[in-house]
Amino acid sequence: MKKKYSLKRNEEIAKIVRKKVLEKNNCYVIYYYPNQNVNHTRVCISVSKKLGKAVIRNKIKRQVREMITSIFDFNLSYDFVIVVRRDYPEIDFEHNKNKLEKLYLRITSKIKGDI
């Protein structure tokens, strides 16, 4: 995932979470909201300290980032905040990727239905 596709500013992340437009399953919660100024997708990955020490959290973020590059369409004009839940470390990479893909497809079908 390229750096221009990352969402870093705390105010923007808080605004997206406050809108409470989300989809979730047992591994992820994805908040999403259309962005006005940018013509591409931006993504933020959040991993709680409850999931493990810094090495484990960074590994999870690397894995999710790799999943995002293969699944997400960066031409959409949306911001996404992905929160990794507690069940993530217990499941292997392929199952987690499939769960993220199903969740993303559910979101994109809602987005395309709204347009």
N, C-alpha and C. Protein backbone atom coordinates (compact mmCIF):
# COMPACT_ATOMS: atom_id res chain seq x y z
N MET A 1 0.85 -1.17 0.00
CA MET A 1 0.00 0.00 0.00
C MET A 1 0.89 1.23 0.00
N LYS A 2 0.68 2.13 -0.94
CA LYS A 2 1.49 3.33 -1.03
C LYS A 2 1.14 4.31 0.08
N LYS A 3 2.08 5.17 0.38
CA LYS A 3 1.91 6.12 1.48
C LYS A 3 0.76 7.09 1.23
N LYS A 4 0.52 7.45 -0.02
CA LYS A 4 -0.55 8.41 -0.31
C LYS A 4 -1.93 7.82 -0.03
N TYR A 5 -2.03 6.50 0.10
CA TYR A 5 -3.30 5.86 0.39
C TYR A 5 -3.56 5.69 1.89
N SER A 6 -2.64 6.16 2.72
CA SER A 6 -2.84 6.00 4.16
C SER A 6 -3.50 7.24 4.74
N LEU A 7 -4.30 7.00 5.75
CA LEU A 7 -5.04 8.04 6.45
C LEU A 7 -4.39 8.19 7.81
N LYS A 8 -3.79 9.35 8.10
CA LYS A 8 -2.99 9.51 9.31
C LYS A 8 -3.56 10.51 10.32
N ARG A 9 -4.26 11.53 9.85
CA ARG A 9 -4.66 12.61 10.75
C ARG A 9 -5.76 12.16 11.70
N ASN A 10 -5.53 12.41 12.99
CA ASN A 10 -6.44 11.97 14.02
C ASN A 10 -7.84 12.59 13.86
N GLU A 11 -7.91 13.84 13.44
CA GLU A 11 -9.20 14.51 13.28
C GLU A 11 -10.04 13.82 12.19
N GLU A 12 -9.39 13.45 11.10
CA GLU A 12 -10.10 12.78 10.01
C GLU A 12 -10.58 11.39 10.44
N ILE A 13 -9.75 10.67 11.16
CA ILE A 13 -10.11 9.34 11.64
C ILE A 13 -11.29 9.45 12.61
N ALA A 14 -11.21 10.39 13.53
CA ALA A 14 -12.28 10.58 14.51
C ALA A 14 -13.59 10.96 13.82
N LYS A 15 -13.52 11.77 12.77
CA LYS A 15 -14.73 12.18 12.04
C LYS A 15 -15.40 10.97 11.39
N ILE A 16 -14.61 10.09 10.81
CA ILE A 16 -15.15 8.90 10.16
C ILE A 16 -15.79 7.96 11.18
N VAL A 17 -15.14 7.78 12.32
CA VAL A 17 -15.67 6.89 13.35
C VAL A 17 -16.93 7.48 13.97
N ARG A 18 -16.98 8.80 14.13
CA ARG A 18 -18.16 9.47 14.69
C ARG A 18 -19.40 9.30 13.83
N LYS A 19 -19.21 9.19 12.52
CA LYS A 19 -20.36 9.04 11.60
C LYS A 19 -21.05 7.69 11.78
N LYS A 20 -20.36 6.71 12.32
CA LYS A 20 -20.89 5.38 12.62
C LYS A 20 -21.50 4.67 11.42
N VAL A 21 -20.86 4.82 10.26
CA VAL A 21 -21.24 4.04 9.08
C VAL A 21 -20.22 2.91 9.02
N LEU A 22 -20.65 1.68 9.34
CA LEU A 22 -19.69 0.60 9.50
C LEU A 22 -20.27 -0.74 9.08
N GLU A 23 -19.36 -1.66 8.85
CA GLU A 23 -19.66 -3.08 8.65
C GLU A 23 -18.69 -3.84 9.54
N LYS A 24 -19.13 -4.98 10.07
CA LYS A 24 -18.25 -5.71 10.97
C LYS A 24 -18.49 -7.21 10.89
N ASN A 25 -17.46 -7.95 11.26
CA ASN A 25 -17.54 -9.39 11.48
C ASN A 25 -16.70 -9.70 12.71
N ASN A 26 -16.36 -10.98 12.93
CA ASN A 26 -15.65 -11.30 14.17
C ASN A 26 -14.17 -10.91 14.14
N CYS A 27 -13.61 -10.55 12.99
CA CYS A 27 -12.19 -10.18 12.90
C CYS A 27 -11.96 -8.69 12.66
N TYR A 28 -12.91 -8.02 12.03
CA TYR A 28 -12.72 -6.62 11.64
C TYR A 28 -13.97 -5.78 11.90
N VAL A 29 -13.74 -4.50 12.10
CA VAL A 29 -14.77 -3.49 12.01
C VAL A 29 -14.25 -2.47 11.01
N ILE A 30 -15.03 -2.20 9.96
CA ILE A 30 -14.60 -1.24 8.95
C ILE A 30 -15.56 -0.07 8.94
N TYR A 31 -15.05 1.10 9.31
CA TYR A 31 -15.79 2.35 9.20
C TYR A 31 -15.46 2.94 7.84
N TYR A 32 -16.45 3.50 7.16
CA TYR A 32 -16.19 4.09 5.85
C TYR A 32 -17.04 5.32 5.67
N TYR A 33 -16.50 6.25 4.88
CA TYR A 33 -17.20 7.51 4.63
C TYR A 33 -16.60 8.14 3.38
N PRO A 34 -17.42 8.78 2.54
CA PRO A 34 -16.85 9.40 1.33
C PRO A 34 -15.95 10.57 1.68
N ASN A 35 -14.84 10.71 0.95
CA ASN A 35 -13.98 11.86 1.17
C ASN A 35 -14.26 12.90 0.08
N GLN A 36 -14.09 14.16 0.41
CA GLN A 36 -14.45 15.23 -0.50
C GLN A 36 -13.26 15.72 -1.33
N ASN A 37 -12.11 15.84 -0.74
CA ASN A 37 -10.98 16.51 -1.38
C ASN A 37 -10.07 15.58 -2.19
N VAL A 38 -10.13 14.29 -1.90
CA VAL A 38 -9.19 13.35 -2.50
C VAL A 38 -9.96 12.43 -3.44
N ASN A 39 -9.37 12.12 -4.59
CA ASN A 39 -10.04 11.28 -5.58
C ASN A 39 -9.60 9.82 -5.53
N HIS A 40 -9.09 9.38 -4.40
CA HIS A 40 -8.70 7.98 -4.25
C HIS A 40 -9.02 7.52 -2.84
N THR A 41 -8.91 6.23 -2.63
CA THR A 41 -9.19 5.62 -1.33
C THR A 41 -8.05 5.88 -0.36
N ARG A 42 -8.42 6.15 0.89
CA ARG A 42 -7.43 6.26 1.96
C ARG A 42 -7.82 5.27 3.06
N VAL A 43 -6.82 4.65 3.68
CA VAL A 43 -7.08 3.59 4.65
C VAL A 43 -6.27 3.83 5.92
N CYS A 44 -6.89 3.56 7.06
CA CYS A 44 -6.21 3.58 8.35
C CYS A 44 -6.40 2.21 9.00
N ILE A 45 -5.36 1.66 9.58
CA ILE A 45 -5.42 0.37 10.25
C ILE A 45 -5.19 0.59 11.73
N SER A 46 -6.10 0.09 12.55
CA SER A 46 -5.99 0.25 13.99
C SER A 46 -5.96 -1.12 14.66
N VAL A 47 -4.93 -1.33 15.49
CA VAL A 47 -4.79 -2.59 16.22
C VAL A 47 -4.65 -2.24 17.70
N SER A 48 -5.50 -2.82 18.52
CA SER A 48 -5.53 -2.53 19.95
C SER A 48 -4.33 -3.13 20.67
N LYS A 49 -3.94 -2.52 21.77
CA LYS A 49 -2.85 -3.04 22.59
C LYS A 49 -3.23 -4.36 23.24
N LYS A 50 -4.51 -4.65 23.30
CA LYS A 50 -4.97 -5.90 23.90
C LYS A 50 -4.61 -7.12 23.05
N LEU A 51 -4.26 -6.90 21.79
CA LEU A 51 -3.93 -8.02 20.90
C LEU A 51 -2.51 -8.53 21.10
N GLY A 52 -1.67 -7.78 21.75
CA GLY A 52 -0.31 -8.26 21.99
C GLY A 52 0.68 -7.12 22.07
N LYS A 53 1.93 -7.49 22.21
CA LYS A 53 2.99 -6.49 22.28
C LYS A 53 3.23 -5.89 20.91
N ALA A 54 4.11 -4.89 20.85
CA ALA A 54 4.32 -4.11 19.63
C ALA A 54 4.72 -4.97 18.44
N VAL A 55 5.52 -5.99 18.66
CA VAL A 55 5.96 -6.85 17.56
C VAL A 55 4.76 -7.55 16.91
N ILE A 56 3.86 -8.05 17.73
CA ILE A 56 2.66 -8.74 17.24
C ILE A 56 1.75 -7.76 16.52
N ARG A 57 1.55 -6.58 17.11
CA ARG A 57 0.67 -5.58 16.49
C ARG A 57 1.22 -5.13 15.14
N ASN A 58 2.54 -4.93 15.05
CA ASN A 58 3.14 -4.53 13.78
C ASN A 58 3.02 -5.65 12.73
N LYS A 59 3.14 -6.89 13.17
CA LYS A 59 2.95 -8.02 12.25
C LYS A 59 1.53 -8.03 11.71
N ILE A 60 0.56 -7.81 12.58
CA ILE A 60 -0.85 -7.77 12.16
C ILE A 60 -1.07 -6.64 11.17
N LYS A 61 -0.51 -5.47 11.45
CA LYS A 61 -0.66 -4.33 10.53
C LYS A 61 -0.03 -4.62 9.17
N ARG A 62 1.13 -5.25 9.16
CA ARG A 62 1.77 -5.63 7.89
C ARG A 62 0.90 -6.59 7.10
N GLN A 63 0.33 -7.57 7.79
CA GLN A 63 -0.53 -8.53 7.12
C GLN A 63 -1.77 -7.86 6.54
N VAL A 64 -2.41 -7.02 7.33
CA VAL A 64 -3.63 -6.34 6.87
C VAL A 64 -3.30 -5.41 5.71
N ARG A 65 -2.17 -4.72 5.78
CA ARG A 65 -1.75 -3.85 4.69
C ARG A 65 -1.58 -4.63 3.39
N GLU A 66 -1.00 -5.81 3.48
CA GLU A 66 -0.84 -6.66 2.30
C GLU A 66 -2.19 -7.12 1.77
N MET A 67 -3.11 -7.46 2.66
CA MET A 67 -4.46 -7.84 2.24
C MET A 67 -5.14 -6.69 1.51
N ILE A 68 -4.97 -5.50 2.02
CA ILE A 68 -5.61 -4.32 1.44
C ILE A 68 -5.12 -4.08 0.02
N THR A 69 -3.81 -4.22 -0.20
CA THR A 69 -3.29 -3.96 -1.54
C THR A 69 -3.85 -4.95 -2.56
N SER A 70 -4.15 -6.17 -2.14
CA SER A 70 -4.67 -7.14 -3.09
C SER A 70 -6.19 -7.09 -3.23
N ILE A 71 -6.90 -6.53 -2.26
CA ILE A 71 -8.37 -6.56 -2.27
C ILE A 71 -8.98 -5.23 -2.69
N PHE A 72 -8.50 -4.13 -2.12
CA PHE A 72 -9.18 -2.84 -2.26
C PHE A 72 -8.99 -2.22 -3.64
N ASP A 73 -10.01 -1.49 -4.08
CA ASP A 73 -9.97 -0.68 -5.30
C ASP A 73 -9.67 0.75 -4.87
N PHE A 74 -8.50 1.26 -5.23
CA PHE A 74 -8.08 2.57 -4.75
C PHE A 74 -8.63 3.72 -5.60
N ASN A 75 -9.49 3.42 -6.57
CA ASN A 75 -10.11 4.48 -7.37
C ASN A 75 -11.39 5.02 -6.74
N LEU A 76 -11.91 4.33 -5.72
CA LEU A 76 -13.07 4.84 -5.01
C LEU A 76 -12.67 6.07 -4.22
N SER A 77 -13.58 6.99 -4.06
CA SER A 77 -13.29 8.20 -3.30
C SER A 77 -13.84 8.05 -1.88
N TYR A 78 -13.32 7.07 -1.15
CA TYR A 78 -13.78 6.78 0.21
C TYR A 78 -12.61 6.67 1.17
N ASP A 79 -12.89 6.96 2.44
CA ASP A 79 -11.93 6.76 3.52
C ASP A 79 -12.38 5.55 4.33
N PHE A 80 -11.44 4.69 4.70
CA PHE A 80 -11.75 3.50 5.48
C PHE A 80 -10.89 3.49 6.74
N VAL A 81 -11.51 3.13 7.86
CA VAL A 81 -10.79 2.90 9.11
C VAL A 81 -11.04 1.44 9.46
N ILE A 82 -9.99 0.63 9.45
CA ILE A 82 -10.11 -0.80 9.72
C ILE A 82 -9.61 -1.06 11.13
N VAL A 83 -10.50 -1.56 11.98
CA VAL A 83 -10.15 -1.91 13.35
C VAL A 83 -10.07 -3.43 13.42
N VAL A 84 -8.92 -3.93 13.84
CA VAL A 84 -8.71 -5.38 13.95
C VAL A 84 -9.22 -5.82 15.32
N ARG A 85 -10.03 -6.87 15.33
CA ARG A 85 -10.63 -7.36 16.57
C ARG A 85 -9.85 -8.54 17.15
N ARG A 86 -10.27 -8.99 18.33
CA ARG A 86 -9.53 -10.01 19.09
C ARG A 86 -9.42 -11.36 18.41
N ASP A 87 -10.37 -11.74 17.57
CA ASP A 87 -10.34 -13.06 16.95
C ASP A 87 -9.30 -13.17 15.83
N TYR A 88 -8.74 -12.05 15.40
CA TYR A 88 -7.80 -12.06 14.27
C TYR A 88 -6.60 -12.99 14.48
N PRO A 89 -5.86 -12.93 15.60
CA PRO A 89 -4.65 -13.76 15.73
C PRO A 89 -4.93 -15.26 15.78
N GLU A 90 -6.15 -15.65 16.11
CA GLU A 90 -6.47 -17.07 16.25
C GLU A 90 -6.72 -17.75 14.92
N ILE A 91 -6.91 -16.97 13.86
CA ILE A 91 -7.25 -17.52 12.55
C ILE A 91 -6.06 -17.30 11.61
N ASP A 92 -5.87 -18.19 10.65
CA ASP A 92 -4.73 -18.07 9.75
C ASP A 92 -4.94 -16.96 8.70
N PHE A 93 -3.87 -16.64 7.99
CA PHE A 93 -3.84 -15.50 7.07
C PHE A 93 -4.90 -15.61 5.98
N GLU A 94 -5.04 -16.77 5.36
CA GLU A 94 -5.99 -16.93 4.24
C GLU A 94 -7.43 -16.72 4.68
N HIS A 95 -7.80 -17.27 5.84
CA HIS A 95 -9.17 -17.08 6.33
C HIS A 95 -9.43 -15.62 6.68
N ASN A 96 -8.43 -14.96 7.29
CA ASN A 96 -8.57 -13.54 7.59
C ASN A 96 -8.72 -12.72 6.32
N LYS A 97 -7.97 -13.07 5.30
CA LYS A 97 -8.06 -12.37 4.03
C LYS A 97 -9.44 -12.55 3.40
N ASN A 98 -9.96 -13.77 3.45
CA ASN A 98 -11.30 -14.02 2.92
C ASN A 98 -12.37 -13.24 3.68
N LYS A 99 -12.23 -13.16 4.99
CA LYS A 99 -13.19 -12.39 5.80
C LYS A 99 -13.14 -10.91 5.44
N LEU A 100 -11.93 -10.37 5.25
CA LEU A 100 -11.79 -8.97 4.87
C LEU A 100 -12.38 -8.72 3.49
N GLU A 101 -12.15 -9.65 2.58
CA GLU A 101 -12.67 -9.51 1.22
C GLU A 101 -14.19 -9.52 1.20
N LYS A 102 -14.81 -10.43 1.96
CA LYS A 102 -16.27 -10.48 2.03
C LYS A 102 -16.83 -9.19 2.61
N LEU A 103 -16.18 -8.68 3.64
CA LEU A 103 -16.63 -7.43 4.26
C LEU A 103 -16.50 -6.26 3.29
N TYR A 104 -15.39 -6.22 2.55
CA TYR A 104 -15.18 -5.16 1.56
C TYR A 104 -16.20 -5.24 0.43
N LEU A 105 -16.51 -6.44 -0.02
CA LEU A 105 -17.52 -6.60 -1.08
C LEU A 105 -18.89 -6.16 -0.59
N ARG A 106 -19.21 -6.43 0.67
CA ARG A 106 -20.48 -5.97 1.24
C ARG A 106 -20.54 -4.44 1.26
N ILE A 107 -19.41 -3.81 1.61
CA ILE A 107 -19.36 -2.35 1.65
C ILE A 107 -19.49 -1.76 0.24
N THR A 108 -18.74 -2.31 -0.71
CA THR A 108 -18.78 -1.76 -2.07
C THR A 108 -20.15 -1.96 -2.71
N SER A 109 -20.85 -3.04 -2.39
CA SER A 109 -22.19 -3.21 -2.93
C SER A 109 -23.13 -2.15 -2.36
N LYS A 110 -22.96 -1.79 -1.09
CA LYS A 110 -23.76 -0.71 -0.50
C LYS A 110 -23.41 0.64 -1.13
N ILE A 111 -22.11 0.87 -1.34
CA ILE A 111 -21.66 2.12 -1.92
C ILE A 111 -22.20 2.27 -3.34
N LYS A 112 -22.08 1.22 -4.13
CA LYS A 112 -22.56 1.29 -5.52
C LYS A 112 -24.07 1.36 -5.58
N GLY A 113 -24.75 0.84 -4.56
CA GLY A 113 -26.21 0.94 -4.49
C GLY A 113 -26.64 2.37 -4.18
N ASP A 114 -25.81 3.11 -3.44
CA ASP A 114 -26.14 4.50 -3.08
C ASP A 114 -25.92 5.44 -4.24
N ILE A 115 -25.01 5.11 -5.16
CA ILE A 115 -24.65 6.02 -6.24
C ILE A 115 -25.71 6.03 -7.31
